[in-house]
Amino acid sequence: MTQILFSYGTLQQREVQLATFGREPLGTSDQLVGFHQSMVKIEDPEVVKTSGKTHHPIVKQTGIAEDRVAGTAFEVTDEELANADKYEVSDYKRVSATLASGRRAWVYVDNRA
């Protein structure tokens, strides 16, 4: 089954996609509504190696419709979604959210609150 996964960060990078999904998934530009983006320090050396970055974007829900985070909505399989779960560190949790396009998508949000 195909799922929609919204990425505003490193899952948009080709090298992260190849390591996580084994391919470059098809995606379309979209926005996450009612969220604010900041950065989080990544402590997992494998994730840093894969992304090439020590700090990754992270989002927190604000509930304010004017707050929007730009990104890409990708079509992924259930297996690829499970691989993305393994890639994301414990600072993130996967939730379902409505995008500006009206589509429902999985998105990784701040799990620290």
C-alpha atoms as a PDB file:
ATOM      1  CA  MET A   1       0.000   0.000   0.000  1.00  0.00           C
ATOM      2  CA  THR A   2       1.182   3.542  -0.771  1.00  0.00           C
ATOM      3  CA  GLN A   3       1.381   6.131   1.992  1.00  0.00           C
ATOM      4  CA  ILE A   4       2.092   9.865   1.886  1.00  0.00           C
ATOM      5  CA  LEU A   5       5.119  10.983   3.909  1.00  0.00           C
ATOM      6  CA  PHE A   6       5.729  14.717   4.272  1.00  0.00           C
ATOM      7  CA  SER A   7       9.364  15.761   4.672  1.00  0.00           C
ATOM      8  CA  TYR A   8      10.621  19.227   5.529  1.00  0.00           C
ATOM      9  CA  GLY A   9      14.183  18.078   6.261  1.00  0.00           C
ATOM     10  CA  THR A  10      16.815  15.478   5.508  1.00  0.00           C
ATOM     11  CA  LEU A  11      14.426  12.907   3.986  1.00  0.00           C
ATOM     12  CA  GLN A  12      14.388  15.274   0.983  1.00  0.00           C
ATOM     13  CA  GLN A  13      18.132  14.667   0.434  1.00  0.00           C
ATOM     14  CA  ARG A  14      19.011  12.196  -2.328  1.00  0.00           C
ATOM     15  CA  GLU A  15      21.655  10.364  -0.236  1.00  0.00           C
ATOM     16  CA  VAL A  16      19.241   9.987   2.707  1.00  0.00           C
ATOM     17  CA  GLN A  17      16.501   8.706   0.382  1.00  0.00           C
ATOM     18  CA  LEU A  18      18.821   6.127  -1.180  1.00  0.00           C
ATOM     19  CA  ALA A  19      20.002   4.948   2.275  1.00  0.00           C
ATOM     20  CA  THR A  20      16.473   4.882   3.734  1.00  0.00           C
ATOM     21  CA  PHE A  21      14.261   3.847   0.797  1.00  0.00           C
ATOM     22  CA  GLY A  22      16.745   2.391  -1.688  1.00  0.00           C
ATOM     23  CA  ARG A  23      15.380   4.820  -4.286  1.00  0.00           C
ATOM     24  CA  GLU A  24      14.363   8.432  -4.850  1.00  0.00           C
ATOM     25  CA  PRO A  25      10.598   8.530  -4.192  1.00  0.00           C
ATOM     26  CA  LEU A  26       8.283  10.720  -6.253  1.00  0.00           C
ATOM     27  CA  GLY A  27       7.204  13.840  -4.436  1.00  0.00           C
ATOM     28  CA  THR A  28       5.300  17.086  -4.792  1.00  0.00           C
ATOM     29  CA  SER A  29       5.781  20.404  -3.015  1.00  0.00           C
ATOM     30  CA  ASP A  30       3.344  21.040  -0.171  1.00  0.00           C
ATOM     31  CA  GLN A  31       3.152  22.763   3.204  1.00  0.00           C
ATOM     32  CA  LEU A  32       2.527  21.611   6.756  1.00  0.00           C
ATOM     33  CA  VAL A  33      -0.105  23.907   8.279  1.00  0.00           C
ATOM     34  CA  GLY A  34      -0.096  24.996  11.928  1.00  0.00           C
ATOM     35  CA  PHE A  35       3.522  24.059  12.684  1.00  0.00           C
ATOM     36  CA  HIS A  36       6.737  25.986  13.454  1.00  0.00           C
ATOM     37  CA  GLN A  37      10.194  24.760  12.448  1.00  0.00           C
ATOM     38  CA  SER A  38      13.392  24.881  14.516  1.00  0.00           C
ATOM     39  CA  MET A  39      16.588  22.768  14.692  1.00  0.00           C
ATOM     40  CA  VAL A  40      17.670  19.828  16.865  1.00  0.00           C
ATOM     41  CA  LYS A  41      21.199  18.479  17.480  1.00  0.00           C
ATOM     42  CA  ILE A  42      21.509  14.882  16.262  1.00  0.00           C
ATOM     43  CA  GLU A  43      23.558  12.616  18.555  1.00  0.00           C
ATOM     44  CA  ASP A  44      23.256   9.381  16.517  1.00  0.00           C
ATOM     45  CA  PRO A  45      26.507   9.001  14.518  1.00  0.00           C
ATOM     46  CA  GLU A  46      24.865   6.833  11.825  1.00  0.00           C
ATOM     47  CA  VAL A  47      22.175   9.446  11.165  1.00  0.00           C
ATOM     48  CA  VAL A  48      24.810  12.210  11.044  1.00  0.00           C
ATOM     49  CA  LYS A  49      26.869  10.094   8.631  1.00  0.00           C
ATOM     50  CA  THR A  50      23.847   9.460   6.388  1.00  0.00           C
ATOM     51  CA  SER A  51      22.653  13.083   6.308  1.00  0.00           C
ATOM     52  CA  GLY A  52      26.030  14.790   6.568  1.00  0.00           C
ATOM     53  CA  LYS A  53      24.520  17.150   9.154  1.00  0.00           C
ATOM     54  CA  THR A  54      24.784  17.424  12.960  1.00  0.00           C
ATOM     55  CA  HIS A  55      21.594  19.511  13.209  1.00  0.00           C
ATOM     56  CA  HIS A  56      18.288  18.619  11.560  1.00  0.00           C
ATOM     57  CA  PRO A  57      15.052  20.591  11.190  1.00  0.00           C
ATOM     58  CA  ILE A  58      12.237  19.647  13.585  1.00  0.00           C
ATOM     59  CA  VAL A  59       8.653  20.922  13.814  1.00  0.00           C
ATOM     60  CA  LYS A  60       6.261  21.538  16.666  1.00  0.00           C
ATOM     61  CA  GLN A  61       2.524  22.061  16.316  1.00  0.00           C
ATOM     62  CA  THR A  62       1.321  25.604  17.058  1.00  0.00           C
ATOM     63  CA  GLY A  63      -2.278  25.309  15.863  1.00  0.00           C
ATOM     64  CA  ILE A  64      -1.897  28.716  14.162  1.00  0.00           C
ATOM     65  CA  ALA A  65      -3.067  28.420  10.537  1.00  0.00           C
ATOM     66  CA  GLU A  66      -0.605  31.105   9.392  1.00  0.00           C
ATOM     67  CA  ASP A  67       2.342  29.002  10.618  1.00  0.00           C
ATOM     68  CA  ARG A  68       3.506  26.891   7.684  1.00  0.00           C
ATOM     69  CA  VAL A  69       6.494  24.686   6.949  1.00  0.00           C
ATOM     70  CA  ALA A  70       7.425  24.053   3.316  1.00  0.00           C
ATOM     71  CA  GLY A  71       8.477  20.586   2.206  1.00  0.00           C
ATOM     72  CA  THR A  72       7.734  17.642  -0.047  1.00  0.00           C
ATOM     73  CA  ALA A  73       4.968  15.034   0.098  1.00  0.00           C
ATOM     74  CA  PHE A  74       6.416  11.681  -1.017  1.00  0.00           C
ATOM     75  CA  GLU A  75       4.659   8.481  -2.021  1.00  0.00           C
ATOM     76  CA  VAL A  76       6.229   5.624  -0.050  1.00  0.00           C
ATOM     77  CA  THR A  77       5.403   1.992   0.676  1.00  0.00           C
ATOM     78  CA  ASP A  78       4.630   0.609   4.126  1.00  0.00           C
ATOM     79  CA  GLU A  79       8.125  -0.913   4.199  1.00  0.00           C
ATOM     80  CA  GLU A  80       9.739   2.400   3.265  1.00  0.00           C
ATOM     81  CA  LEU A  81       7.730   4.148   5.991  1.00  0.00           C
ATOM     82  CA  ALA A  82       9.042   1.579   8.501  1.00  0.00           C
ATOM     83  CA  ASN A  83      12.586   2.309   7.257  1.00  0.00           C
ATOM     84  CA  ALA A  84      11.983   6.030   7.802  1.00  0.00           C
ATOM     85  CA  ASP A  85      10.866   5.233  11.372  1.00  0.00           C
ATOM     86  CA  LYS A  86      14.233   3.522  11.919  1.00  0.00           C
ATOM     87  CA  TYR A  87      16.140   6.499  10.448  1.00  0.00           C
ATOM     88  CA  GLU A  88      14.464   9.114  12.660  1.00  0.00           C
ATOM     89  CA  VAL A  89      15.963   9.498  16.139  1.00  0.00           C
ATOM     90  CA  SER A  90      13.910   9.496  19.362  1.00  0.00           C
ATOM     91  CA  ASP A  91      13.531  13.301  19.259  1.00  0.00           C
ATOM     92  CA  TYR A  92      10.909  12.673  16.557  1.00  0.00           C
ATOM     93  CA  LYS A  93       7.555  10.894  16.525  1.00  0.00           C
ATOM     94  CA  ARG A  94       5.400  10.141  13.480  1.00  0.00           C
ATOM     95  CA  VAL A  95       1.902  11.631  13.406  1.00  0.00           C
ATOM     96  CA  SER A  96      -0.802  12.116  10.797  1.00  0.00           C
ATOM     97  CA  ALA A  97      -1.404  15.712   9.688  1.00  0.00           C
ATOM     98  CA  THR A  98      -3.333  17.592   7.028  1.00  0.00           C
ATOM     99  CA  LEU A  99      -1.227  19.421   4.450  1.00  0.00           C
ATOM    100  CA  ALA A 100      -2.071  22.713   2.715  1.00  0.00           C
ATOM    101  CA  SER A 101      -3.200  20.671  -0.316  1.00  0.00           C
ATOM    102  CA  GLY A 102      -5.805  18.960   1.889  1.00  0.00           C
ATOM    103  CA  ARG A 103      -4.043  15.589   1.731  1.00  0.00           C
ATOM    104  CA  ARG A 104      -3.371  13.585   4.905  1.00  0.00           C
ATOM    105  CA  ALA A 105       0.270  12.643   5.383  1.00  0.00           C
ATOM    106  CA  TRP A 106       2.612  11.139   7.926  1.00  0.00           C
ATOM    107  CA  VAL A 107       5.077  13.659   9.337  1.00  0.00           C
ATOM    108  CA  TYR A 108       7.827  13.472  11.950  1.00  0.00           C
ATOM    109  CA  VAL A 109       7.266  16.058  14.704  1.00  0.00           C
ATOM    110  CA  ASP A 110       8.987  17.010  17.951  1.00  0.00           C
ATOM    111  CA  ASN A 111       8.697  14.176  20.490  1.00  0.00           C
ATOM    112  CA  ARG A 112      10.533  16.080  23.253  1.00  0.00           C
ATOM    113  CA  ALA A 113       7.524  18.057  24.553  1.00  0.00           C
END
